[in-house]
Amino acid sequence: MDLLNTLVDKGLRRELPTREEALAVLATSDDDVLDVVAAAGKVRRQWFGRRVKLNYLVNLKSGLCPEDCSYCSQRLGSSTGILKYSWLKPDEASKAAAAGLAGGAKRVCLVASGRGPTDRDVDRVAGTIKAIKEQNEGVEVCACLGLLSDGQAERLREAGADAYNHNLNTSEGTYGDITTTHTYADRVDTVNKAHAAGLSACSGLIAGMGESDEDLVDVVFSLRELDPDSVPVNFLIPVEGTPLAKEWNLTPQRCLRILAMVRFVCPDVEVRIAGGREVHLRTMQPLALHLANSIFLGDYLTTEGQAGQADLEMIADAGFTVEGADEVTLPQHRAEVRGGCGSHGAEGAGCGSHAEDGCGSVCGSHEGAAEGAAVPAVNEPRTDLVAVRRRGAGTDLAPNA
């Protein structure tokens, strides 16, 4: 297919595809999905080999958010039945982080619900970062606290944060349909603040909210322009009790095409499969590893993921290896600019989704279906794969890592 050959050549040269080419990837048929994966896989292997970076989420403060993001189970007035608790103490957060690190994660993403941190909140998180780094040599820490005020990114960097996450989520043209309590421009401003402070910027999207192909291409091209080191791709889980509870419109093949498009547009960036991979990719998750070079291990912010051991077995069975703490995540040309991003103890690399950004609030899965259970029809809503997190941070039960 001439389109795919052209995109591979551009990806190997780090050349931006045209909008028409990106749209054409999303328009390919299910019959061609393996060809699309194989082509994007060449670009992924060029810049990241067969390494998979593992990241671990710690939900520092769950629920009770004043924002009205339509996709989020922690939104204002949510009736989703998620865990709700205020700030974890530093030692509690460090204990939660240790479970993920023991499971093979090299990056801890500290997330808190809310519009953005107060200065006192930044002090709290600074203490947590210090505790985690003192107890876990070489760990990378990403903060994800919402919209930043002037000077807060600098204070987080001084406290030892390596990265900051804030997702664009969807295109500028449709953002007002998803959220009304803040703007798309607010989000761009926060990503720029993280960049300016010397933090590695992490910013991504949520697919499956009823957006068009044009919206998906718009947001990914906007992300390319912002130049984050990490782009998490969330797949909406329509949680009951949220305004998007009826938006079940993703298939595994659609998810693979979206990931491939992101890889072609952002060839040398850490592309992370974030919320929703268990629910929407399902048994095709291993194919997605040929497109993305990063995943979250274990559970998410407010919902359960598949068992951490299952993630490790999937990576090994697919012929990939877990990225070690002494390996640099980003290609050399990016790592040099970012001060060694992704290296042992270095500044940089990317992180996961803010609580209001759809990662933990829209993903997770139960264990497999019972023996003899009926096979769901194609495109049938898989509400059976959504489970509210009841273990780990904020509970007395052991985490899934």
Protein backbone atom coordinates (compact mmCIF):
# COMPACT_ATOMS: atom_id res chain seq x y z
CA MET A 1 0.00 0.00 0.00
CA ASP A 2 1.64 3.23 -1.18
CA LEU A 3 0.18 5.20 1.74
CA LEU A 4 1.82 2.98 4.34
CA ASN A 5 5.18 2.93 2.54
CA THR A 6 5.13 6.72 2.43
CA LEU A 7 4.25 6.97 6.13
CA VAL A 8 7.00 4.54 7.12
CA ASP A 9 9.57 6.54 5.16
CA LYS A 10 8.39 9.77 6.80
CA GLY A 11 8.38 8.19 10.25
CA LEU A 12 11.94 6.95 9.90
CA ARG A 13 12.96 10.49 8.95
CA ARG A 14 10.82 12.10 11.69
CA GLU A 15 8.93 13.94 8.97
CA LEU A 16 5.37 15.11 9.67
CA PRO A 17 2.70 13.38 7.56
CA THR A 18 0.04 15.47 5.89
CA ARG A 19 -3.39 15.74 7.45
CA GLU A 20 -4.76 13.81 4.50
CA GLU A 21 -2.34 10.94 5.15
CA ALA A 22 -3.26 10.84 8.84
CA LEU A 23 -6.95 10.79 7.99
CA ALA A 24 -6.32 8.01 5.47
CA VAL A 25 -4.87 5.80 8.23
CA LEU A 26 -8.08 6.14 10.23
CA ALA A 27 -10.11 5.38 7.10
CA THR A 28 -8.38 2.08 6.32
CA SER A 29 -10.53 -1.03 6.50
CA ASP A 30 -10.48 -3.77 9.10
CA ASP A 31 -9.09 -6.05 6.38
CA ASP A 32 -5.98 -3.86 6.26
CA VAL A 33 -5.45 -3.46 10.00
CA LEU A 34 -2.54 -5.92 10.19
CA ASP A 35 -0.78 -4.08 7.36
CA VAL A 36 -1.28 -0.79 9.25
CA VAL A 37 0.12 -2.29 12.46
CA ALA A 38 3.12 -3.78 10.62
CA ALA A 39 3.94 -0.44 8.98
CA ALA A 40 3.67 1.63 12.16
CA GLY A 41 5.58 -1.10 13.98
CA LYS A 42 8.62 -0.40 11.79
CA VAL A 43 8.61 3.19 12.98
CA ARG A 44 8.14 2.16 16.61
CA ARG A 45 11.08 -0.27 16.43
CA GLN A 46 13.31 2.28 14.73
CA TRP A 47 13.08 4.67 17.70
CA PHE A 48 12.26 2.38 20.64
CA GLY A 49 13.33 -1.12 19.70
CA ARG A 50 11.28 -3.79 21.43
CA ARG A 51 11.26 -2.10 24.84
CA VAL A 52 8.05 -1.44 26.77
CA LYS A 53 8.13 1.17 29.51
CA LEU A 54 5.97 0.44 32.55
CA ASN A 55 4.32 3.26 34.48
CA TYR A 56 2.40 3.09 37.74
CA LEU A 57 -0.41 5.39 38.85
CA VAL A 58 -0.90 6.54 42.43
CA ASN A 59 -4.17 8.38 43.02
CA LEU A 60 -3.25 10.90 45.72
CA LYS A 61 -6.73 12.41 46.00
CA SER A 62 -9.80 10.74 44.55
CA GLY A 63 -13.15 12.23 43.56
CA LEU A 64 -14.71 15.47 44.78
CA CYS A 65 -13.58 17.40 41.69
CA PRO A 66 -15.28 20.76 40.93
CA GLU A 67 -14.77 20.44 37.15
CA ASP A 68 -17.48 19.11 34.82
CA CYS A 69 -15.47 17.01 32.35
CA SER A 70 -18.06 14.76 30.72
CA TYR A 71 -15.82 11.69 30.54
CA CYS A 72 -14.69 11.66 34.15
CA SER A 73 -16.06 9.57 37.02
CA GLN A 74 -14.63 12.12 39.47
CA ARG A 75 -16.46 15.08 37.94
CA LEU A 76 -18.72 17.54 39.71
CA GLY A 77 -21.90 15.78 40.82
CA SER A 78 -20.63 12.31 39.85
CA SER A 79 -22.83 9.39 40.91
CA THR A 80 -20.45 6.65 39.83
CA GLY A 81 -19.71 5.11 43.24
CA ILE A 82 -15.93 5.51 42.99
CA LEU A 83 -13.57 5.76 45.94
CA LYS A 84 -13.50 9.27 47.40
CA TYR A 85 -10.76 10.39 49.74
CA SER A 86 -8.57 13.40 50.44
CA TRP A 87 -4.80 13.61 50.17
CA LEU A 88 -2.72 10.54 50.93
CA LYS A 89 0.13 11.14 53.35
CA PRO A 90 3.64 10.93 51.85
CA ASP A 91 4.38 7.57 53.47
CA GLU A 92 1.07 6.15 52.19
CA ALA A 93 1.81 7.34 48.67
CA SER A 94 5.37 6.00 48.83
CA LYS A 95 4.08 2.61 49.96
CA ALA A 96 1.63 2.54 47.06
CA ALA A 97 4.38 3.53 44.61
CA ALA A 98 6.68 0.79 45.92
CA ALA A 99 4.20 -1.88 44.84
CA GLY A 100 4.32 -0.69 41.24
CA LEU A 101 8.08 -0.35 41.22
CA ALA A 102 8.43 -3.89 42.58
CA GLY A 103 6.29 -5.04 39.66
CA GLY A 104 8.69 -3.55 37.12
CA ALA A 105 7.54 0.06 36.73
CA LYS A 106 10.23 2.71 36.30
CA ARG A 107 7.89 5.71 36.41
CA VAL A 108 5.44 6.69 39.16
CA CYS A 109 2.63 9.07 38.17
CA LEU A 110 1.23 11.04 41.10
CA VAL A 111 -2.29 12.17 40.29
CA ALA A 112 -4.82 14.28 42.19
CA SER A 113 -8.34 15.27 41.26
CA GLY A 114 -9.29 18.93 41.11
CA ARG A 115 -9.03 22.00 38.92
CA GLY A 116 -5.46 22.62 39.95
CA PRO A 117 -3.23 22.64 43.02
CA THR A 118 -3.03 25.34 45.64
CA ASP A 119 0.43 26.29 46.86
CA ARG A 120 -0.23 24.16 49.92
CA ASP A 121 -1.07 21.23 47.63
CA VAL A 122 2.22 21.72 45.81
CA ASP A 123 3.99 21.53 49.18
CA ARG A 124 2.15 18.28 49.92
CA VAL A 125 3.15 16.76 46.61
CA ALA A 126 6.73 17.97 47.03
CA GLY A 127 6.91 16.04 50.30
CA THR A 128 5.53 12.95 48.59
CA ILE A 129 8.04 13.20 45.74
CA LYS A 130 10.86 13.47 48.27
CA ALA A 131 9.63 10.42 50.19
CA ILE A 132 9.33 8.29 47.05
CA LYS A 133 12.75 9.27 45.72
CA GLU A 134 14.47 8.73 49.07
CA GLN A 135 13.04 5.23 49.32
CA ASN A 136 13.37 4.19 45.67
CA GLU A 137 16.68 5.04 44.05
CA GLY A 138 16.46 6.07 40.41
CA VAL A 139 12.67 6.23 40.20
CA GLU A 140 11.13 8.73 37.77
CA VAL A 141 8.24 10.80 39.12
CA CYS A 142 5.58 12.58 37.11
CA ALA A 143 3.06 14.94 38.72
CA CYS A 144 -0.44 15.35 37.38
CA LEU A 145 -2.38 17.89 39.41
CA GLY A 146 -4.47 19.86 36.94
CA LEU A 147 -4.04 23.44 35.78
CA LEU A 148 -0.85 25.09 37.04
CA SER A 149 -0.45 28.65 38.29
CA ASP A 150 2.69 30.68 37.70
CA GLY A 151 5.69 29.31 39.57
CA GLN A 152 4.18 25.97 40.51
CA ALA A 153 5.90 23.97 37.78
CA GLU A 154 9.24 25.37 38.92
CA ARG A 155 8.51 24.37 42.50
CA LEU A 156 7.62 20.83 41.45
CA ARG A 157 10.84 20.54 39.50
CA GLU A 158 12.83 21.80 42.48
CA ALA A 159 11.11 19.13 44.58
CA GLY A 160 12.41 16.45 42.23
CA ALA A 161 9.58 15.94 39.74
CA ASP A 162 10.84 14.75 36.36
CA ALA A 163 7.69 15.36 34.34
CA TYR A 164 4.24 16.90 34.33
CA ASN A 165 1.13 15.54 32.64
CA HIS A 166 -1.83 17.49 31.35
CA ASN A 167 -3.83 16.14 28.41
CA LEU A 168 -5.45 18.11 25.61
CA ASN A 169 -8.02 15.29 25.37
CA THR A 170 -9.80 16.38 22.20
CA SER A 171 -9.66 18.97 19.44
CA GLU A 172 -9.91 22.66 20.20
CA GLY A 173 -13.06 22.88 18.08
CA THR A 174 -14.98 20.33 20.17
CA TYR A 175 -13.45 20.96 23.60
CA GLY A 176 -16.36 23.12 24.76
CA ASP A 177 -18.74 20.22 24.13
CA ILE A 178 -16.83 18.08 26.63
CA THR A 179 -15.93 20.55 29.39
CA THR A 180 -17.27 24.00 30.31
CA THR A 181 -15.43 24.82 33.55
CA HIS A 182 -12.08 25.44 31.86
CA THR A 183 -10.87 25.90 28.30
CA TYR A 184 -8.63 24.18 25.78
CA ALA A 185 -6.34 27.22 26.00
CA ASP A 186 -6.00 26.63 29.76
CA ARG A 187 -4.68 23.17 29.04
CA VAL A 188 -2.21 24.35 26.44
CA ASP A 189 -0.98 26.98 28.90
CA THR A 190 -0.28 24.34 31.55
CA VAL A 191 1.70 22.16 29.12
CA ASN A 192 3.74 25.22 28.15
CA LYS A 193 4.36 26.05 31.82
CA ALA A 194 5.75 22.54 32.36
CA HIS A 195 8.02 22.91 29.33
CA ALA A 196 9.26 26.32 30.46
CA ALA A 197 10.10 25.00 33.93
CA GLY A 198 12.31 22.27 32.49
CA LEU A 199 9.88 19.46 33.22
CA SER A 200 9.34 16.78 30.61
CA ALA A 201 5.88 17.46 29.21
CA CYS A 202 3.33 14.67 28.87
CA SER A 203 0.09 15.35 27.03
CA GLY A 204 -2.33 13.14 25.17
CA LEU A 205 -5.92 12.48 24.19
CA ILE A 206 -9.08 10.50 24.84
CA ALA A 207 -10.61 8.66 21.89
CA GLY A 208 -14.17 7.38 21.74
CA MET A 209 -16.08 10.43 22.98
CA GLY A 210 -18.09 10.75 19.78
CA GLU A 211 -15.42 12.75 17.98
CA SER A 212 -14.84 12.65 14.21
CA ASP A 213 -11.69 11.47 12.45
CA GLU A 214 -10.93 15.14 11.81
CA ASP A 215 -11.08 15.85 15.55
CA LEU A 216 -8.63 13.03 16.27
CA VAL A 217 -6.19 14.28 13.66
CA ASP A 218 -6.58 17.86 14.92
CA VAL A 219 -5.67 16.99 18.49
CA VAL A 220 -2.72 14.78 17.50
CA PHE A 221 -1.33 17.48 15.20
CA SER A 222 -1.75 19.99 18.06
CA LEU A 223 0.18 17.64 20.32
CA ARG A 224 2.96 17.33 17.74
CA GLU A 225 3.19 21.14 17.74
CA LEU A 226 3.37 21.25 21.57
CA ASP A 227 6.17 18.66 21.36
CA PRO A 228 5.61 16.62 24.55
CA ASP A 229 8.00 13.78 25.27
CA SER A 230 5.09 11.48 26.02
CA VAL A 231 1.64 11.09 24.46
CA PRO A 232 -0.81 8.91 26.41
CA VAL A 233 -3.72 7.61 24.35
CA ASN A 234 -6.83 6.95 26.45
CA PHE A 235 -9.84 5.04 25.15
CA LEU A 236 -13.05 6.21 26.78
CA ILE A 237 -14.85 3.81 29.06
CA PRO A 238 -18.40 5.09 29.33
CA VAL A 239 -18.79 4.84 33.09
CA GLU A 240 -22.38 4.71 34.33
CA GLY A 241 -23.19 8.01 36.02
CA THR A 242 -21.23 10.16 33.56
CA PRO A 243 -22.70 12.12 30.61
CA LEU A 244 -20.85 9.90 28.12
CA ALA A 245 -22.19 6.63 29.54
CA LYS A 246 -23.79 5.69 26.20
CA GLU A 247 -20.71 6.33 24.01
CA TRP A 248 -19.71 2.76 23.22
CA ASN A 249 -18.32 3.25 19.72
CA LEU A 250 -14.79 1.80 19.72
CA THR A 251 -13.65 -1.54 18.32
CA PRO A 252 -10.22 -3.15 18.75
CA GLN A 253 -9.46 -2.41 15.09
CA ARG A 254 -10.44 1.25 15.50
CA CYS A 255 -8.16 1.54 18.53
CA LEU A 256 -5.25 0.05 16.59
CA ARG A 257 -5.76 2.51 13.73
CA ILE A 258 -5.80 5.43 16.19
CA LEU A 259 -2.56 4.26 17.84
CA ALA A 260 -0.95 3.81 14.43
CA MET A 261 -1.95 7.33 13.39
CA VAL A 262 -0.46 8.73 16.59
CA ARG A 263 2.77 6.83 15.97
CA PHE A 264 3.07 8.12 12.41
CA VAL A 265 2.47 11.73 13.51
CA CYS A 266 4.70 11.42 16.62
CA PRO A 267 7.29 8.84 15.51
CA ASP A 268 10.01 9.46 18.10
CA VAL A 269 7.77 10.24 21.08
CA GLU A 270 6.84 7.88 23.91
CA VAL A 271 3.35 6.74 22.94
CA ARG A 272 1.55 5.21 25.91
CA ILE A 273 -1.56 3.06 25.86
CA ALA A 274 -3.41 4.50 28.82
CA GLY A 275 -7.00 4.15 30.03
CA GLY A 276 -9.30 1.68 28.34
CA ARG A 277 -6.91 -0.76 26.70
CA GLU A 278 -8.37 -3.77 28.52
CA VAL A 279 -11.92 -2.72 27.69
CA HIS A 280 -11.54 -1.79 24.03
CA LEU A 281 -8.45 -3.63 22.74
CA ARG A 282 -9.23 -6.70 24.80
CA THR A 283 -7.52 -9.79 23.31
CA MET A 284 -5.80 -7.60 20.71
CA GLN A 285 -3.71 -5.75 23.32
CA PRO A 286 -0.49 -7.53 22.24
CA LEU A 287 -0.83 -6.06 18.73
CA ALA A 288 -0.94 -2.58 20.25
CA LEU A 289 2.56 -3.12 21.68
CA HIS A 290 3.83 -2.93 18.09
CA LEU A 291 2.53 0.67 18.01
CA ALA A 292 3.03 2.02 21.53
CA ASN A 293 6.17 1.67 23.62
CA SER A 294 4.64 2.37 27.03
CA ILE A 295 1.72 1.17 29.18
CA PHE A 296 0.38 1.49 32.71
CA LEU A 297 0.91 -1.49 35.01
CA GLY A 298 -1.98 -2.76 37.12
CA ASP A 299 -4.92 -0.60 38.19
CA TYR A 300 -5.84 2.93 37.20
CA LEU A 301 -7.12 5.87 39.20
CA THR A 302 -10.71 4.84 39.87
CA THR A 303 -11.09 1.57 37.97
CA GLU A 304 -9.36 -1.78 37.88
CA GLY A 305 -6.95 -2.94 35.21
CA GLN A 306 -5.91 -6.47 34.39
CA ALA A 307 -3.52 -8.19 36.76
CA GLY A 308 0.00 -6.81 36.70
CA GLN A 309 1.42 -10.29 36.16
CA ALA A 310 -0.81 -10.68 33.11
CA ASP A 311 0.69 -7.47 31.69
CA LEU A 312 4.21 -8.83 32.16
CA GLU A 313 3.33 -12.15 30.54
CA MET A 314 1.66 -10.36 27.62
CA ILE A 315 4.79 -8.28 27.00
CA ALA A 316 7.05 -11.34 27.08
CA ASP A 317 4.75 -13.49 24.94
CA ALA A 318 4.55 -10.74 22.30
CA GLY A 319 8.35 -10.73 22.03
CA PHE A 320 8.99 -7.46 23.87
CA THR A 321 11.06 -6.67 26.95
CA VAL A 322 10.36 -4.46 29.95
CA GLU A 323 12.47 -1.30 29.84
CA GLY A 324 14.99 -1.23 32.66
CA ALA A 325 15.69 1.63 35.05
CA ASP A 326 19.12 2.12 33.47
CA GLU A 327 17.76 2.41 29.92
CA VAL A 328 16.95 5.74 28.31
CA THR A 329 13.35 5.90 27.11
CA LEU A 330 13.64 8.49 24.36
CA PRO A 331 15.83 8.28 21.25
CA GLN A 332 19.23 9.92 21.64
CA HIS A 333 18.35 13.07 19.68
CA ARG A 334 15.43 13.78 22.03
CA ALA A 335 17.12 12.61 25.21
CA GLU A 336 20.01 15.00 24.64
CA VAL A 337 17.62 17.93 24.33
CA ARG A 338 15.63 16.82 27.39
CA GLY A 339 18.62 16.26 29.62
CA GLY A 340 18.68 12.48 29.42
CA CYS A 341 14.95 11.85 29.55
CA GLY A 342 14.05 8.40 30.71
CA SER A 343 17.49 7.54 32.00
CA HIS A 344 18.33 6.37 35.50
CA GLY A 345 17.61 9.31 37.78
CA ALA A 346 17.44 11.71 34.85
CA GLU A 347 15.11 14.61 34.27
CA GLY A 348 12.33 13.85 31.83
CA ALA A 349 10.17 11.24 30.12
CA GLY A 350 6.41 11.20 30.01
CA CYS A 351 3.56 10.44 32.39
CA GLY A 352 -0.03 9.44 32.60
CA SER A 353 -3.42 11.09 32.74
CA HIS A 354 -4.78 13.51 35.28
CA ALA A 355 -7.78 12.30 37.24
CA GLU A 356 -10.01 14.58 35.19
CA ASP A 357 -8.26 13.55 32.00
CA GLY A 358 -9.91 10.20 31.62
CA CYS A 359 -7.15 7.76 32.51
CA GLY A 360 -8.26 6.16 35.73
CA SER A 361 -11.81 7.30 35.46
CA VAL A 362 -12.48 5.54 32.19
CA CYS A 363 -10.63 2.25 32.21
CA GLY A 364 -10.25 -1.13 33.86
CA SER A 365 -11.47 -4.69 33.58
CA HIS A 366 -12.79 -7.69 35.45
CA GLU A 367 -11.11 -11.03 35.20
CA GLY A 368 -11.99 -13.17 32.16
CA ALA A 369 -15.51 -14.33 31.36
CA ALA A 370 -16.73 -17.51 33.00
CA GLU A 371 -16.29 -20.78 31.13
CA GLY A 372 -19.14 -21.30 28.73
CA ALA A 373 -20.24 -17.65 28.78
CA ALA A 374 -21.81 -16.25 25.63
CA VAL A 375 -19.49 -14.36 23.30
CA PRO A 376 -20.59 -10.69 23.10
CA ALA A 377 -21.62 -9.38 19.71
CA VAL A 378 -19.28 -7.03 17.86
CA ASN A 379 -19.68 -3.42 19.05
CA GLU A 380 -21.90 -4.49 21.95
CA PRO A 381 -21.28 -2.36 25.06
CA ARG A 382 -18.87 -4.25 27.36
CA THR A 383 -20.05 -2.95 30.71
CA ASP A 384 -18.94 -6.29 32.15
CA LEU A 385 -15.34 -5.14 31.69
CA VAL A 386 -15.65 -2.05 33.88
CA ALA A 387 -14.96 -2.42 37.59
CA VAL A 388 -14.59 0.40 40.11
CA ARG A 389 -11.25 0.21 41.93
CA ARG A 390 -11.67 -1.03 45.51
CA ARG A 391 -8.04 -1.85 46.30
CA GLY A 392 -4.72 -0.06 46.53
CA ALA A 393 -4.38 3.65 47.34
CA GLY A 394 -7.09 4.91 49.66
CA THR A 395 -8.00 1.41 50.87
CA ASP A 396 -6.62 -1.20 53.26
CA LEU A 397 -6.29 -3.79 50.49
CA ALA A 398 -3.11 -4.63 48.59
CA PRO A 399 -2.76 -2.93 45.21
CA ASN A 400 -2.74 -4.67 41.85
CA ALA A 401 0.75 -4.18 40.47
